[in-house]
């Protein structure tokens, strides 16, 4: 694999990694919100 291609692949992986982190953060916030807990049928007191 040539150098330019390797750089492109690394750049792509880096951006994918950032997207995953953003998505993970969003999911984490959703799980912490009472509305999301209600939708999943869990009691709000489970985490307190």
N, C-alpha and C. Protein backbone atom coordinates (compact mmCIF):
# COMPACT_ATOMS: atom_id res chain seq x y z
N UNK A 1 0.85 -1.19 0.00
CA UNK A 1 0.00 0.00 0.00
C UNK A 1 0.89 1.25 0.00
N UNK A 2 0.62 2.17 -0.90
CA UNK A 2 1.46 3.36 -0.95
C UNK A 2 1.10 4.36 0.16
N UNK A 3 1.98 5.31 0.34
CA UNK A 3 1.89 6.25 1.45
C UNK A 3 0.61 7.10 1.40
N UNK A 4 0.28 7.60 0.21
CA UNK A 4 -0.92 8.44 0.07
C UNK A 4 -2.19 7.69 0.45
N UNK A 5 -2.28 6.45 0.00
CA UNK A 5 -3.44 5.62 0.30
C UNK A 5 -3.52 5.36 1.80
N UNK A 6 -2.38 5.09 2.40
CA UNK A 6 -2.33 4.85 3.84
C UNK A 6 -2.82 6.07 4.61
N UNK A 7 -2.40 7.26 4.18
CA UNK A 7 -2.84 8.49 4.83
C UNK A 7 -4.35 8.65 4.74
N UNK A 8 -4.90 8.37 3.55
CA UNK A 8 -6.35 8.49 3.35
C UNK A 8 -7.11 7.53 4.26
N UNK A 9 -6.60 6.31 4.35
CA UNK A 9 -7.26 5.30 5.20
C UNK A 9 -7.22 5.73 6.66
N UNK A 10 -6.07 6.23 7.11
CA UNK A 10 -5.95 6.69 8.50
C UNK A 10 -6.89 7.85 8.78
N UNK A 11 -7.00 8.76 7.81
CA UNK A 11 -7.89 9.91 7.96
C UNK A 11 -9.34 9.44 8.09
N UNK A 12 -9.70 8.48 7.25
CA UNK A 12 -11.05 7.93 7.27
C UNK A 12 -11.35 7.25 8.61
N UNK A 13 -10.41 6.45 9.07
CA UNK A 13 -10.59 5.76 10.36
C UNK A 13 -10.73 6.77 11.49
N UNK A 14 -9.95 7.84 11.42
CA UNK A 14 -10.01 8.88 12.44
C UNK A 14 -11.39 9.54 12.48
N UNK A 15 -11.93 9.84 11.30
CA UNK A 15 -13.25 10.48 11.26
C UNK A 15 -14.34 9.52 11.72
N UNK A 16 -14.20 8.24 11.37
CA UNK A 16 -15.16 7.24 11.83
C UNK A 16 -15.12 7.14 13.36
N UNK A 17 -13.91 7.15 13.90
CA UNK A 17 -13.73 7.09 15.35
C UNK A 17 -14.42 8.26 16.04
N UNK A 18 -14.28 9.46 15.48
CA UNK A 18 -14.93 10.65 16.05
C UNK A 18 -16.45 10.51 16.01
N UNK A 19 -16.96 10.00 14.89
CA UNK A 19 -18.41 9.79 14.76
C UNK A 19 -18.91 8.83 15.83
N UNK A 20 -18.16 7.75 16.05
CA UNK A 20 -18.55 6.75 17.05
C UNK A 20 -18.56 7.38 18.44
N UNK A 21 -17.56 8.21 18.74
CA UNK A 21 -17.52 8.89 20.03
C UNK A 21 -18.73 9.80 20.22
N UNK A 22 -19.07 10.56 19.17
CA UNK A 22 -20.24 11.44 19.24
C UNK A 22 -21.52 10.64 19.46
N UNK A 23 -21.64 9.55 18.72
CA UNK A 23 -22.81 8.70 18.83
C UNK A 23 -22.89 8.09 20.23
N UNK A 24 -21.76 7.63 20.74
CA UNK A 24 -21.70 7.06 22.08
C UNK A 24 -22.13 8.07 23.13
N UNK A 25 -21.69 9.32 22.97
CA UNK A 25 -22.07 10.38 23.89
C UNK A 25 -23.57 10.64 23.85
N UNK A 26 -24.13 10.64 22.65
CA UNK A 26 -25.57 10.88 22.48
C UNK A 26 -26.38 9.75 23.11
N UNK A 27 -25.94 8.52 22.89
CA UNK A 27 -26.64 7.37 23.47
C UNK A 27 -26.56 7.42 24.99
N UNK A 28 -25.40 7.78 25.52
CA UNK A 28 -25.21 7.88 26.96
C UNK A 28 -26.16 8.91 27.56
N UNK A 29 -26.28 10.07 26.91
CA UNK A 29 -27.20 11.11 27.38
C UNK A 29 -28.65 10.62 27.34
N UNK A 30 -29.00 9.92 26.26
CA UNK A 30 -30.36 9.40 26.13
C UNK A 30 -30.68 8.42 27.25
N UNK A 31 -29.72 7.58 27.58
CA UNK A 31 -29.94 6.58 28.63
C UNK A 31 -30.10 7.24 29.99
N UNK A 32 -29.46 8.39 30.18
CA UNK A 32 -29.54 9.06 31.47
C UNK A 32 -30.83 9.87 31.63
N UNK A 33 -31.49 10.19 30.51
CA UNK A 33 -32.70 11.00 30.60
C UNK A 33 -33.88 10.15 31.06
N UNK A 34 -34.72 10.70 31.95
CA UNK A 34 -35.88 9.98 32.48
C UNK A 34 -36.83 9.51 31.38
N UNK A 35 -36.97 10.31 30.32
CA UNK A 35 -37.88 9.95 29.23
C UNK A 35 -37.44 8.65 28.58
N UNK A 36 -36.14 8.52 28.33
CA UNK A 36 -35.61 7.30 27.71
C UNK A 36 -35.83 6.10 28.64
N UNK A 37 -35.66 6.32 29.93
CA UNK A 37 -35.87 5.23 30.89
C UNK A 37 -37.33 4.79 30.89
N UNK A 38 -38.24 5.76 30.82
CA UNK A 38 -39.67 5.43 30.76
C UNK A 38 -39.99 4.62 29.52
N UNK A 39 -39.42 5.03 28.38
CA UNK A 39 -39.68 4.33 27.13
C UNK A 39 -39.22 2.88 27.19
N UNK A 40 -38.13 2.65 27.92
CA UNK A 40 -37.60 1.30 28.01
C UNK A 40 -38.32 0.48 29.09
N UNK A 41 -39.23 1.13 29.80
CA UNK A 41 -40.01 0.44 30.80
C UNK A 41 -39.25 0.16 32.09
N UNK A 42 -38.18 0.89 32.32
CA UNK A 42 -37.42 0.71 33.56
C UNK A 42 -37.90 1.73 34.58
N UNK A 43 -37.70 1.43 35.84
CA UNK A 43 -38.04 2.41 36.86
C UNK A 43 -36.94 3.45 36.94
N UNK A 44 -37.32 4.68 37.24
CA UNK A 44 -36.35 5.78 37.30
C UNK A 44 -35.39 5.60 38.49
N UNK A 45 -35.83 4.89 39.50
CA UNK A 45 -35.03 4.77 40.72
C UNK A 45 -33.93 3.72 40.60
N UNK A 46 -33.94 2.97 39.53
CA UNK A 46 -32.98 1.88 39.37
C UNK A 46 -31.53 2.36 39.43
N UNK A 47 -31.27 3.58 38.91
CA UNK A 47 -29.90 4.07 38.83
C UNK A 47 -29.53 4.98 40.00
N UNK A 48 -30.49 5.32 40.85
CA UNK A 48 -30.21 6.24 41.94
C UNK A 48 -29.78 5.52 43.20
